[in-house]
Amino acid sequence: MTAGEKAKAKAEQAEGKAKEALGSVTGNDRMAAEGQAEKSTGDAREAKEKAKDAFKR
């Protein structure tokens, strides 16, 4: 996994988790859903990069 892609995935995961938590605390369901979606996107990006690394070996 390239360092840039790994960092981007971790940043998306963290941002999504924070947005989801903030949405839950404030009662903003839309923000919570957006945060969950961003977190999932980060998870998918990380999984894709790990799969690419596995095939390189």
C-alpha atoms as a PDB file:
ATOM      1  CA  MET A   1       0.000   0.000   0.000  1.00  0.00           C
ATOM      2  CA  THR A   2       1.412   3.329  -0.924  1.00  0.00           C
ATOM      3  CA  ALA A   3       1.911   5.686   1.953  1.00  0.00           C
ATOM      4  CA  GLY A   4      -0.256   8.359   0.348  1.00  0.00           C
ATOM      5  CA  GLU A   5      -3.189   6.047  -0.250  1.00  0.00           C
ATOM      6  CA  LYS A   6      -2.879   4.583   3.248  1.00  0.00           C
ATOM      7  CA  ALA A   7      -2.897   8.050   4.773  1.00  0.00           C
ATOM      8  CA  LYS A   8      -5.877   9.062   2.647  1.00  0.00           C
ATOM      9  CA  ALA A   9      -7.813   5.977   3.771  1.00  0.00           C
ATOM     10  CA  LYS A  10      -7.026   6.609   7.446  1.00  0.00           C
ATOM     11  CA  ALA A  11      -7.976  10.275   7.109  1.00  0.00           C
ATOM     12  CA  GLU A  12     -11.322   9.356   5.531  1.00  0.00           C
ATOM     13  CA  GLN A  13     -11.986   6.845   8.272  1.00  0.00           C
ATOM     14  CA  ALA A  14     -11.180   9.337  11.028  1.00  0.00           C
ATOM     15  CA  GLU A  15     -13.149  12.165   9.423  1.00  0.00           C
ATOM     16  CA  GLY A  16     -16.131   9.897   8.883  1.00  0.00           C
ATOM     17  CA  LYS A  17     -16.035   8.614  12.441  1.00  0.00           C
ATOM     18  CA  ALA A  18     -15.897  12.164  13.829  1.00  0.00           C
ATOM     19  CA  LYS A  19     -18.704  13.348  11.568  1.00  0.00           C
ATOM     20  CA  GLU A  20     -20.829  10.344  12.507  1.00  0.00           C
ATOM     21  CA  ALA A  21     -20.279  10.990  16.222  1.00  0.00           C
ATOM     22  CA  LEU A  22     -21.053  14.689  15.883  1.00  0.00           C
ATOM     23  CA  GLY A  23     -24.213  13.906  13.949  1.00  0.00           C
ATOM     24  CA  SER A  24     -25.336  11.452  16.602  1.00  0.00           C
ATOM     25  CA  VAL A  25     -24.667  13.888  19.451  1.00  0.00           C
ATOM     26  CA  THR A  26     -26.479  16.763  17.776  1.00  0.00           C
ATOM     27  CA  GLY A  27     -29.339  14.589  16.555  1.00  0.00           C
ATOM     28  CA  ASN A  28     -28.495  15.337  12.919  1.00  0.00           C
ATOM     29  CA  ASP A  29     -29.286  12.042  11.191  1.00  0.00           C
ATOM     30  CA  ARG A  30     -28.083  13.278   7.815  1.00  0.00           C
ATOM     31  CA  MET A  31     -24.654  14.194   9.169  1.00  0.00           C
ATOM     32  CA  ALA A  32     -24.403  10.860  10.983  1.00  0.00           C
ATOM     33  CA  ALA A  33     -25.244   9.009   7.764  1.00  0.00           C
ATOM     34  CA  GLU A  34     -22.713  11.042   5.776  1.00  0.00           C
ATOM     35  CA  GLY A  35     -20.066  10.262   8.383  1.00  0.00           C
ATOM     36  CA  GLN A  36     -20.849   6.578   8.233  1.00  0.00           C
ATOM     37  CA  ALA A  37     -20.591   6.662   4.445  1.00  0.00           C
ATOM     38  CA  GLU A  38     -17.212   8.437   4.574  1.00  0.00           C
ATOM     39  CA  LYS A  39     -15.941   5.913   7.094  1.00  0.00           C
ATOM     40  CA  SER A  40     -17.078   3.077   4.853  1.00  0.00           C
ATOM     41  CA  THR A  41     -15.353   4.672   1.871  1.00  0.00           C
ATOM     42  CA  GLY A  42     -12.122   4.818   3.863  1.00  0.00           C
ATOM     43  CA  ASP A  43     -12.535   1.184   4.876  1.00  0.00           C
ATOM     44  CA  ALA A  44     -13.079   0.161   1.258  1.00  0.00           C
ATOM     45  CA  ARG A  45     -10.050   2.156   0.092  1.00  0.00           C
ATOM     46  CA  GLU A  46      -7.895   0.501   2.748  1.00  0.00           C
ATOM     47  CA  ALA A  47      -9.149  -2.966   1.785  1.00  0.00           C
ATOM     48  CA  LYS A  48      -8.436  -2.264  -1.896  1.00  0.00           C
ATOM     49  CA  GLU A  49      -4.875  -1.194  -1.134  1.00  0.00           C
ATOM     50  CA  LYS A  50      -4.290  -4.251   1.049  1.00  0.00           C
ATOM     51  CA  ALA A  51      -5.542  -6.498  -1.753  1.00  0.00           C
ATOM     52  CA  LYS A  52      -3.189  -4.788  -4.190  1.00  0.00           C
ATOM     53  CA  ASP A  53      -0.299  -5.382  -1.783  1.00  0.00           C
ATOM     54  CA  ALA A  54      -1.215  -9.051  -1.443  1.00  0.00           C
ATOM     55  CA  PHE A  55      -1.048  -9.561  -5.208  1.00  0.00           C
ATOM     56  CA  LYS A  56       2.340  -7.833  -5.453  1.00  0.00           C
ATOM     57  CA  ARG A  57       3.962 -10.554  -3.358  1.00  0.00           C
END
